[in-house]
């Protein structure tokens, strides 16, 4: 209804649009916050595994595969630091 040259419904729809906009923005922030909290929980849960876990998994996999294919055991890893160096870079310090 048009009263004194103003549309009362238009003012209500603008404020309703702003409320909807703020609701959308806050819901977006809430989703991002929940996602970050979930990532932080997973990082705290699995973050303690570290490189020693990877070394142990690698050794177990090598032992299992060597048994499966009938290969002799590999006892070349005397030093644990050697397992952290890629095979292509292990012999760079030695001179021929």
C-alpha atoms as a PDB file:
ATOM      1  CA  UNK A   1       0.000   0.000   0.000  1.00  0.00           C
ATOM      2  CA  UNK A   2       1.319   3.409  -0.939  1.00  0.00           C
ATOM      3  CA  UNK A   3       0.974   6.015   1.818  1.00  0.00           C
ATOM      4  CA  UNK A   4       2.289   9.584   1.353  1.00  0.00           C
ATOM      5  CA  UNK A   5       4.547   8.589  -1.531  1.00  0.00           C
ATOM      6  CA  UNK A   6       6.373   5.839   0.392  1.00  0.00           C
ATOM      7  CA  UNK A   7       6.088   2.104   0.044  1.00  0.00           C
ATOM      8  CA  UNK A   8       6.051   0.601   3.525  1.00  0.00           C
ATOM      9  CA  UNK A   9       6.563  -2.911   2.218  1.00  0.00           C
ATOM     10  CA  UNK A  10       9.789  -1.867   0.503  1.00  0.00           C
ATOM     11  CA  UNK A  11      11.370  -0.728   3.789  1.00  0.00           C
ATOM     12  CA  UNK A  12      10.513  -4.030   5.423  1.00  0.00           C
ATOM     13  CA  UNK A  13      11.944  -5.990   2.526  1.00  0.00           C
ATOM     14  CA  UNK A  14      15.217  -4.044   2.674  1.00  0.00           C
ATOM     15  CA  UNK A  15      15.663  -4.713   6.386  1.00  0.00           C
ATOM     16  CA  UNK A  16      14.657  -8.332   5.765  1.00  0.00           C
ATOM     17  CA  UNK A  17      17.280  -8.553   3.036  1.00  0.00           C
ATOM     18  CA  UNK A  18      19.919  -7.197   5.398  1.00  0.00           C
ATOM     19  CA  UNK A  19      18.932  -9.716   8.036  1.00  0.00           C
ATOM     20  CA  UNK A  20      19.160 -12.464   5.447  1.00  0.00           C
ATOM     21  CA  UNK A  21      22.552 -11.184   4.322  1.00  0.00           C
ATOM     22  CA  UNK A  22      23.914 -11.131   7.859  1.00  0.00           C
ATOM     23  CA  UNK A  23      22.455 -14.570   8.457  1.00  0.00           C
ATOM     24  CA  UNK A  24      24.245 -15.860   5.349  1.00  0.00           C
ATOM     25  CA  UNK A  25      27.529 -14.240   6.375  1.00  0.00           C
ATOM     26  CA  UNK A  26      27.377 -15.561   9.936  1.00  0.00           C
ATOM     27  CA  UNK A  27      26.423 -19.035   8.771  1.00  0.00           C
ATOM     28  CA  UNK A  28      29.415 -18.988   6.406  1.00  0.00           C
ATOM     29  CA  UNK A  29      31.726 -17.967   9.259  1.00  0.00           C
ATOM     30  CA  UNK A  30      30.225 -20.666  11.462  1.00  0.00           C
ATOM     31  CA  UNK A  31      30.901 -23.336   8.830  1.00  0.00           C
ATOM     32  CA  UNK A  32      34.494 -22.129   8.437  1.00  0.00           C
ATOM     33  CA  UNK A  33      35.011 -22.070  12.210  1.00  0.00           C
ATOM     34  CA  UNK A  34      33.671 -25.595  12.620  1.00  0.00           C
ATOM     35  CA  UNK A  35      35.883 -26.776   9.749  1.00  0.00           C
ATOM     36  CA  UNK A  36      38.971 -25.231  11.342  1.00  0.00           C
ATOM     37  CA  UNK A  37      38.122 -26.792  14.680  1.00  0.00           C
ATOM     38  CA  UNK A  38      37.783 -30.212  13.026  1.00  0.00           C
ATOM     39  CA  UNK A  39      41.141 -29.767  11.272  1.00  0.00           C
ATOM     40  CA  UNK A  40      42.774 -28.769  14.571  1.00  0.00           C
ATOM     41  CA  UNK A  41      41.311 -31.819  16.320  1.00  0.00           C
ATOM     42  CA  UNK A  42      42.559 -34.178  13.593  1.00  0.00           C
ATOM     43  CA  UNK A  43      45.994 -32.531  13.637  1.00  0.00           C
ATOM     44  CA  UNK A  44      46.219 -32.948  17.411  1.00  0.00           C
ATOM     45  CA  UNK A  45      44.952 -36.520  17.138  1.00  0.00           C
ATOM     46  CA  UNK A  46      47.339 -37.689  14.379  1.00  0.00           C
ATOM     47  CA  UNK A  47      50.102 -35.086  14.683  1.00  0.00           C
ATOM     48  CA  UNK A  48      52.054 -37.110  17.226  1.00  0.00           C
ATOM     49  CA  UNK A  49      52.802 -39.847  14.695  1.00  0.00           C
ATOM     50  CA  UNK A  50      55.753 -38.015  13.141  1.00  0.00           C
ATOM     51  CA  UNK A  51      58.613 -39.389  11.035  1.00  0.00           C
ATOM     52  CA  UNK A  52      59.362 -42.362  13.289  1.00  0.00           C
ATOM     53  CA  UNK A  53      55.929 -43.788  12.444  1.00  0.00           C
ATOM     54  CA  UNK A  54      56.716 -43.489   8.728  1.00  0.00           C
ATOM     55  CA  UNK A  55      60.075 -45.220   9.198  1.00  0.00           C
ATOM     56  CA  UNK A  56      58.418 -48.094  11.046  1.00  0.00           C
ATOM     57  CA  UNK A  57      55.761 -48.469   8.343  1.00  0.00           C
ATOM     58  CA  UNK A  58      58.441 -48.460   5.640  1.00  0.00           C
ATOM     59  CA  UNK A  59      60.463 -51.142   7.416  1.00  0.00           C
ATOM     60  CA  UNK A  60      57.365 -53.301   7.960  1.00  0.00           C
ATOM     61  CA  UNK A  61      56.371 -52.948   4.305  1.00  0.00           C
ATOM     62  CA  UNK A  62      59.856 -53.893   3.117  1.00  0.00           C
ATOM     63  CA  UNK A  63      59.958 -56.939   5.385  1.00  0.00           C
ATOM     64  CA  UNK A  64      56.511 -58.072   4.241  1.00  0.00           C
ATOM     65  CA  UNK A  65      57.294 -57.635   0.555  1.00  0.00           C
ATOM     66  CA  UNK A  66      60.677 -59.371   0.859  1.00  0.00           C
ATOM     67  CA  UNK A  67      58.989 -62.356   2.511  1.00  0.00           C
ATOM     68  CA  UNK A  68      56.213 -62.375  -0.091  1.00  0.00           C
ATOM     69  CA  UNK A  69      58.600 -62.422  -3.062  1.00  0.00           C
ATOM     70  CA  UNK A  70      61.238 -64.658  -1.462  1.00  0.00           C
ATOM     71  CA  UNK A  71      63.984 -62.030  -1.249  1.00  0.00           C
ATOM     72  CA  UNK A  72      66.636 -62.073   1.471  1.00  0.00           C
ATOM     73  CA  UNK A  73      66.162 -59.670   4.396  1.00  0.00           C
ATOM     74  CA  UNK A  74      67.598 -56.196   3.916  1.00  0.00           C
ATOM     75  CA  UNK A  75      69.924 -55.247   6.765  1.00  0.00           C
ATOM     76  CA  UNK A  76      71.482 -52.224   5.088  1.00  0.00           C
ATOM     77  CA  UNK A  77      69.768 -49.714   7.374  1.00  0.00           C
ATOM     78  CA  UNK A  78      72.239 -49.603  10.230  1.00  0.00           C
ATOM     79  CA  UNK A  79      71.653 -45.902  10.852  1.00  0.00           C
ATOM     80  CA  UNK A  80      68.107 -44.562  11.150  1.00  0.00           C
ATOM     81  CA  UNK A  81      69.205 -41.249   9.612  1.00  0.00           C
ATOM     82  CA  UNK A  82      69.990 -43.097   6.375  1.00  0.00           C
ATOM     83  CA  UNK A  83      66.348 -44.033   5.945  1.00  0.00           C
ATOM     84  CA  UNK A  84      65.394 -40.347   5.907  1.00  0.00           C
ATOM     85  CA  UNK A  85      67.600 -39.688   2.856  1.00  0.00           C
ATOM     86  CA  UNK A  86      66.135 -40.592  -0.554  1.00  0.00           C
ATOM     87  CA  UNK A  87      68.004 -43.468  -2.256  1.00  0.00           C
ATOM     88  CA  UNK A  88      69.056 -41.238  -5.139  1.00  0.00           C
ATOM     89  CA  UNK A  89      70.889 -38.896  -2.745  1.00  0.00           C
ATOM     90  CA  UNK A  90      72.509 -41.427  -0.404  1.00  0.00           C
ATOM     91  CA  UNK A  91      75.766 -41.847  -2.329  1.00  0.00           C
ATOM     92  CA  UNK A  92      76.395 -38.194  -3.180  1.00  0.00           C
ATOM     93  CA  UNK A  93      78.870 -37.653  -0.331  1.00  0.00           C
ATOM     94  CA  UNK A  94      81.052 -40.603  -1.268  1.00  0.00           C
ATOM     95  CA  UNK A  95      83.777 -40.092  -3.834  1.00  0.00           C
ATOM     96  CA  UNK A  96      84.817 -42.781  -6.282  1.00  0.00           C
END
